[in-house]
Amino acid sequence: MIPVFVVFRRLWRALRTSMRDPVFRGLIHFSGILLVGGTFFYWRVEDWTPFESLYFSVITLTTVGYGDFSPVTGIGRAFTVGYVLLGIGVIVAVATQITTHAARPRGDK
């Protein structure tokens, strides 16, 4: 059980260190813009509730894809193609930044 706490402590430190990096902060802001944009789009175009739209946006960007929601309009499907291609790249970039900061020795800035 203790190794789990050690891993989470190291992850927390990496997140704190990452927040000082302007590239990481930019990626976090862009991720937020993607989530808000996707939520708004699906809410208006697919006629889902705002929470269902946010849920679908998060599930799509994290590539979980439960399959309980899917776009039914042509424009919704076309948007989703671009949304997935752009979103996966951004999420991978965020994860890469976190792991880069987590792998650095403690004294290295």
N, C-alpha and C. Protein backbone atom coordinates (compact mmCIF):
# COMPACT_ATOMS: atom_id res chain seq x y z
N MET A 1 0.81 -1.19 0.00
CA MET A 1 0.00 0.00 0.00
C MET A 1 0.86 1.27 0.00
N ILE A 2 1.98 1.21 0.66
CA ILE A 2 2.87 2.38 0.72
C ILE A 2 3.40 2.76 -0.66
N PRO A 3 3.75 1.82 -1.54
CA PRO A 3 4.21 2.23 -2.87
C PRO A 3 3.18 3.07 -3.64
N VAL A 4 1.91 2.82 -3.40
CA VAL A 4 0.87 3.60 -4.07
C VAL A 4 0.98 5.07 -3.64
N PHE A 5 1.17 5.29 -2.34
CA PHE A 5 1.31 6.66 -1.85
C PHE A 5 2.57 7.33 -2.39
N VAL A 6 3.63 6.56 -2.53
CA VAL A 6 4.87 7.10 -3.07
C VAL A 6 4.66 7.54 -4.52
N VAL A 7 3.96 6.74 -5.29
CA VAL A 7 3.69 7.07 -6.69
C VAL A 7 2.83 8.33 -6.78
N PHE A 8 1.78 8.40 -5.97
CA PHE A 8 0.91 9.57 -6.00
C PHE A 8 1.64 10.83 -5.52
N ARG A 9 2.51 10.68 -4.56
CA ARG A 9 3.29 11.82 -4.09
C ARG A 9 4.20 12.33 -5.21
N ARG A 10 4.83 11.41 -5.92
CA ARG A 10 5.71 11.80 -7.02
C ARG A 10 4.90 12.44 -8.16
N LEU A 11 3.72 11.91 -8.42
CA LEU A 11 2.85 12.49 -9.44
C LEU A 11 2.43 13.90 -9.04
N TRP A 12 2.07 14.10 -7.79
CA TRP A 12 1.68 15.42 -7.30
C TRP A 12 2.83 16.43 -7.45
N ARG A 13 4.04 15.99 -7.10
CA ARG A 13 5.21 16.87 -7.26
C ARG A 13 5.43 17.22 -8.73
N ALA A 14 5.26 16.21 -9.60
CA ALA A 14 5.44 16.46 -11.04
C ALA A 14 4.40 17.46 -11.55
N LEU A 15 3.17 17.35 -11.07
CA LEU A 15 2.14 18.31 -11.47
C LEU A 15 2.46 19.71 -10.99
N ARG A 16 2.91 19.82 -9.75
CA ARG A 16 3.28 21.14 -9.21
C ARG A 16 4.44 21.74 -10.00
N THR A 17 5.44 20.93 -10.31
CA THR A 17 6.58 21.40 -11.10
C THR A 17 6.14 21.77 -12.51
N SER A 18 5.26 20.96 -13.09
CA SER A 18 4.78 21.21 -14.45
C SER A 18 4.05 22.54 -14.56
N MET A 19 3.33 22.92 -13.51
CA MET A 19 2.56 24.15 -13.56
C MET A 19 3.44 25.39 -13.68
N ARG A 20 4.73 25.27 -13.38
CA ARG A 20 5.65 26.39 -13.56
C ARG A 20 6.12 26.52 -15.01
N ASP A 21 5.89 25.49 -15.79
CA ASP A 21 6.32 25.47 -17.19
C ASP A 21 5.25 26.13 -18.07
N PRO A 22 5.62 27.19 -18.81
CA PRO A 22 4.62 27.87 -19.64
C PRO A 22 4.02 26.99 -20.74
N VAL A 23 4.80 26.04 -21.25
CA VAL A 23 4.28 25.13 -22.28
C VAL A 23 3.19 24.26 -21.69
N PHE A 24 3.43 23.74 -20.50
CA PHE A 24 2.44 22.89 -19.83
C PHE A 24 1.17 23.68 -19.53
N ARG A 25 1.34 24.89 -19.02
CA ARG A 25 0.16 25.72 -18.72
C ARG A 25 -0.64 26.00 -19.99
N GLY A 26 0.06 26.24 -21.09
CA GLY A 26 -0.62 26.45 -22.36
C GLY A 26 -1.40 25.23 -22.80
N LEU A 27 -0.79 24.06 -22.62
CA LEU A 27 -1.49 22.82 -22.97
C LEU A 27 -2.72 22.59 -22.09
N ILE A 28 -2.61 22.92 -20.82
CA ILE A 28 -3.75 22.77 -19.91
C ILE A 28 -4.87 23.72 -20.33
N HIS A 29 -4.51 24.95 -20.65
CA HIS A 29 -5.53 25.91 -21.11
C HIS A 29 -6.18 25.44 -22.42
N PHE A 30 -5.36 24.94 -23.33
CA PHE A 30 -5.91 24.46 -24.60
C PHE A 30 -6.80 23.24 -24.38
N SER A 31 -6.43 22.37 -23.44
CA SER A 31 -7.28 21.22 -23.11
C SER A 31 -8.63 21.69 -22.58
N GLY A 32 -8.60 22.71 -21.73
CA GLY A 32 -9.85 23.27 -21.21
C GLY A 32 -10.71 23.87 -22.31
N ILE A 33 -10.06 24.57 -23.23
CA ILE A 33 -10.79 25.15 -24.36
C ILE A 33 -11.40 24.05 -25.22
N LEU A 34 -10.66 22.97 -25.44
CA LEU A 34 -11.20 21.83 -26.19
C LEU A 34 -12.42 21.23 -25.50
N LEU A 35 -12.34 21.06 -24.18
CA LEU A 35 -13.47 20.49 -23.44
C LEU A 35 -14.68 21.41 -23.49
N VAL A 36 -14.48 22.70 -23.27
CA VAL A 36 -15.59 23.64 -23.31
C VAL A 36 -16.18 23.72 -24.72
N GLY A 37 -15.31 23.78 -25.73
CA GLY A 37 -15.78 23.84 -27.11
C GLY A 37 -16.56 22.60 -27.52
N GLY A 38 -16.02 21.43 -27.17
CA GLY A 38 -16.71 20.18 -27.48
C GLY A 38 -18.03 20.07 -26.75
N THR A 39 -18.03 20.47 -25.49
CA THR A 39 -19.26 20.43 -24.70
C THR A 39 -20.33 21.32 -25.32
N PHE A 40 -19.93 22.54 -25.66
CA PHE A 40 -20.88 23.46 -26.27
C PHE A 40 -21.40 22.94 -27.62
N PHE A 41 -20.49 22.42 -28.43
CA PHE A 41 -20.88 21.91 -29.75
C PHE A 41 -21.90 20.77 -29.62
N TYR A 42 -21.58 19.77 -28.81
CA TYR A 42 -22.48 18.62 -28.69
C TYR A 42 -23.80 19.01 -28.03
N TRP A 43 -23.76 19.95 -27.12
CA TRP A 43 -24.98 20.42 -26.47
C TRP A 43 -25.92 21.05 -27.49
N ARG A 44 -25.36 21.88 -28.37
CA ARG A 44 -26.19 22.60 -29.34
C ARG A 44 -26.55 21.75 -30.56
N VAL A 45 -25.59 20.98 -31.07
CA VAL A 45 -25.83 20.25 -32.33
C VAL A 45 -26.51 18.90 -32.09
N GLU A 46 -26.07 18.14 -31.10
CA GLU A 46 -26.62 16.81 -30.85
C GLU A 46 -27.81 16.83 -29.88
N ASP A 47 -28.11 18.02 -29.35
CA ASP A 47 -29.24 18.20 -28.44
C ASP A 47 -29.13 17.32 -27.18
N TRP A 48 -27.91 17.23 -26.68
CA TRP A 48 -27.68 16.55 -25.41
C TRP A 48 -27.70 17.58 -24.29
N THR A 49 -27.82 17.11 -23.06
CA THR A 49 -27.72 18.03 -21.93
C THR A 49 -26.27 18.49 -21.82
N PRO A 50 -26.03 19.61 -21.14
CA PRO A 50 -24.64 20.04 -20.97
C PRO A 50 -23.77 18.98 -20.28
N PHE A 51 -24.32 18.28 -19.29
CA PHE A 51 -23.53 17.25 -18.62
C PHE A 51 -23.23 16.08 -19.55
N GLU A 52 -24.21 15.64 -20.33
CA GLU A 52 -23.97 14.56 -21.29
C GLU A 52 -22.92 14.98 -22.32
N SER A 53 -22.97 16.24 -22.72
CA SER A 53 -21.99 16.75 -23.68
C SER A 53 -20.59 16.78 -23.10
N LEU A 54 -20.46 17.23 -21.85
CA LEU A 54 -19.15 17.23 -21.18
C LEU A 54 -18.65 15.80 -21.01
N TYR A 55 -19.54 14.92 -20.58
CA TYR A 55 -19.20 13.50 -20.40
C TYR A 55 -18.66 12.92 -21.71
N PHE A 56 -19.38 13.15 -22.82
CA PHE A 56 -18.94 12.61 -24.10
C PHE A 56 -17.60 13.21 -24.52
N SER A 57 -17.41 14.51 -24.27
CA SER A 57 -16.15 15.17 -24.62
C SER A 57 -14.98 14.55 -23.86
N VAL A 58 -15.14 14.35 -22.57
CA VAL A 58 -14.07 13.75 -21.76
C VAL A 58 -13.80 12.32 -22.19
N ILE A 59 -14.85 11.54 -22.36
CA ILE A 59 -14.70 10.13 -22.76
C ILE A 59 -14.03 10.04 -24.13
N THR A 60 -14.36 10.95 -25.02
CA THR A 60 -13.77 10.94 -26.36
C THR A 60 -12.29 11.33 -26.32
N LEU A 61 -11.97 12.42 -25.62
CA LEU A 61 -10.58 12.89 -25.59
C LEU A 61 -9.66 11.92 -24.87
N THR A 62 -10.17 11.21 -23.89
CA THR A 62 -9.33 10.25 -23.17
C THR A 62 -9.32 8.88 -23.84
N THR A 63 -10.00 8.76 -24.95
CA THR A 63 -10.09 7.55 -25.77
C THR A 63 -10.70 6.37 -25.02
N VAL A 64 -11.50 6.63 -24.01
CA VAL A 64 -12.20 5.55 -23.32
C VAL A 64 -13.31 5.02 -24.19
N GLY A 65 -14.19 5.89 -24.66
CA GLY A 65 -15.23 5.51 -25.61
C GLY A 65 -16.14 4.40 -25.17
N TYR A 66 -16.94 4.63 -24.15
CA TYR A 66 -17.87 3.60 -23.66
C TYR A 66 -18.90 3.20 -24.70
N GLY A 67 -19.28 4.10 -25.58
CA GLY A 67 -20.24 3.78 -26.61
C GLY A 67 -21.68 4.05 -26.22
N ASP A 68 -21.91 4.61 -25.03
CA ASP A 68 -23.28 4.89 -24.61
C ASP A 68 -23.85 6.13 -25.30
N PHE A 69 -22.99 6.99 -25.80
CA PHE A 69 -23.40 8.15 -26.59
C PHE A 69 -22.61 8.12 -27.88
N SER A 70 -23.24 8.56 -28.95
CA SER A 70 -22.52 8.76 -30.21
C SER A 70 -23.27 9.79 -31.03
N PRO A 71 -22.54 10.59 -31.78
CA PRO A 71 -23.19 11.61 -32.61
C PRO A 71 -24.07 10.97 -33.68
N VAL A 72 -25.24 11.56 -33.91
CA VAL A 72 -26.15 11.01 -34.92
C VAL A 72 -26.25 11.91 -36.14
N THR A 73 -25.85 13.17 -36.01
CA THR A 73 -25.92 14.07 -37.16
C THR A 73 -24.62 13.98 -37.96
N GLY A 74 -24.72 14.32 -39.23
CA GLY A 74 -23.53 14.30 -40.07
C GLY A 74 -22.48 15.30 -39.61
N ILE A 75 -22.93 16.50 -39.25
CA ILE A 75 -21.99 17.52 -38.78
C ILE A 75 -21.37 17.10 -37.45
N GLY A 76 -22.13 16.42 -36.62
CA GLY A 76 -21.61 15.92 -35.33
C GLY A 76 -20.53 14.88 -35.54
N ARG A 77 -20.76 14.00 -36.49
CA ARG A 77 -19.76 12.97 -36.78
C ARG A 77 -18.50 13.58 -37.39
N ALA A 78 -18.68 14.54 -38.29
CA ALA A 78 -17.52 15.20 -38.91
C ALA A 78 -16.72 15.97 -37.86
N PHE A 79 -17.41 16.66 -36.97
CA PHE A 79 -16.74 17.39 -35.90
C PHE A 79 -15.96 16.42 -35.01
N THR A 80 -16.56 15.28 -34.72
CA THR A 80 -15.92 14.30 -33.83
C THR A 80 -14.62 13.78 -34.42
N VAL A 81 -14.57 13.60 -35.72
CA VAL A 81 -13.33 13.14 -36.36
C VAL A 81 -12.20 14.13 -36.09
N GLY A 82 -12.44 15.39 -36.35
CA GLY A 82 -11.42 16.40 -36.09
C GLY A 82 -11.13 16.56 -34.61
N TYR A 83 -12.18 16.48 -33.80
CA TYR A 83 -12.06 16.62 -32.35
C TYR A 83 -11.16 15.53 -31.78
N VAL A 84 -11.34 14.31 -32.23
CA VAL A 84 -10.52 13.18 -31.76
C VAL A 84 -9.07 13.36 -32.21
N LEU A 85 -8.86 13.67 -33.47
CA LEU A 85 -7.49 13.81 -33.98
C LEU A 85 -6.73 14.92 -33.28
N LEU A 86 -7.37 16.04 -33.06
CA LEU A 86 -6.73 17.15 -32.36
C LEU A 86 -6.60 16.86 -30.87
N GLY A 87 -7.65 16.35 -30.29
CA GLY A 87 -7.69 16.12 -28.84
C GLY A 87 -6.70 15.08 -28.36
N ILE A 88 -6.55 14.00 -29.09
CA ILE A 88 -5.61 12.95 -28.67
C ILE A 88 -4.19 13.51 -28.64
N GLY A 89 -3.84 14.31 -29.63
CA GLY A 89 -2.52 14.92 -29.64
C GLY A 89 -2.28 15.81 -28.44
N VAL A 90 -3.28 16.59 -28.07
CA VAL A 90 -3.15 17.49 -26.92
C VAL A 90 -3.04 16.70 -25.62
N ILE A 91 -3.87 15.70 -25.45
CA ILE A 91 -3.84 14.89 -24.23
C ILE A 91 -2.51 14.15 -24.12
N VAL A 92 -2.00 13.63 -25.22
CA VAL A 92 -0.69 12.96 -25.19
C VAL A 92 0.41 13.96 -24.84
N ALA A 93 0.31 15.17 -25.36
CA ALA A 93 1.32 16.20 -25.04
C ALA A 93 1.29 16.54 -23.55
N VAL A 94 0.11 16.63 -22.96
CA VAL A 94 -0.02 16.90 -21.52
C VAL A 94 0.61 15.76 -20.72
N ALA A 95 0.28 14.53 -21.08
CA ALA A 95 0.84 13.37 -20.37
C ALA A 95 2.36 13.32 -20.52
N THR A 96 2.85 13.66 -21.69
CA THR A 96 4.30 13.68 -21.92
C THR A 96 4.99 14.72 -21.04
N GLN A 97 4.38 15.89 -20.94
CA GLN A 97 4.96 16.94 -20.09
C GLN A 97 5.00 16.49 -18.62
N ILE A 98 3.94 15.85 -18.16
CA ILE A 98 3.90 15.38 -16.77
C ILE A 98 4.97 14.33 -16.53
N THR A 99 5.08 13.36 -17.44
CA THR A 99 6.08 12.30 -17.24
C THR A 99 7.50 12.85 -17.36
N THR A 100 7.69 13.85 -18.21
CA THR A 100 9.01 14.47 -18.32
C THR A 100 9.40 15.11 -17.00
N HIS A 101 8.47 15.82 -16.39
CA HIS A 101 8.76 16.45 -15.10
C HIS A 101 8.90 15.42 -13.99
N ALA A 102 8.15 14.33 -14.06
CA ALA A 102 8.24 13.29 -13.04
C ALA A 102 9.56 12.53 -13.12
N ALA A 103 10.12 12.42 -14.33
CA ALA A 103 11.36 11.65 -14.51
C ALA A 103 12.61 12.45 -14.19
N ARG A 104 12.49 13.75 -14.05
CA ARG A 104 13.67 14.58 -13.73
C ARG A 104 14.14 14.34 -12.32
N PRO A 105 15.43 14.39 -12.13
CA PRO A 105 15.94 14.34 -10.75
C PRO A 105 15.44 15.54 -9.96
N ARG A 106 15.31 15.41 -8.66
CA ARG A 106 14.71 16.46 -7.82
C ARG A 106 15.40 17.80 -7.92
N GLY A 107 16.72 17.83 -7.99
CA GLY A 107 17.44 19.10 -8.00
C GLY A 107 17.47 19.76 -9.36
N ASP A 108 17.13 19.03 -10.42
CA ASP A 108 17.21 19.54 -11.78
C ASP A 108 15.99 20.39 -12.09
N LYS A 109 16.19 21.60 -12.54
CA LYS A 109 15.08 22.48 -12.90
C LYS A 109 14.97 22.48 -14.39
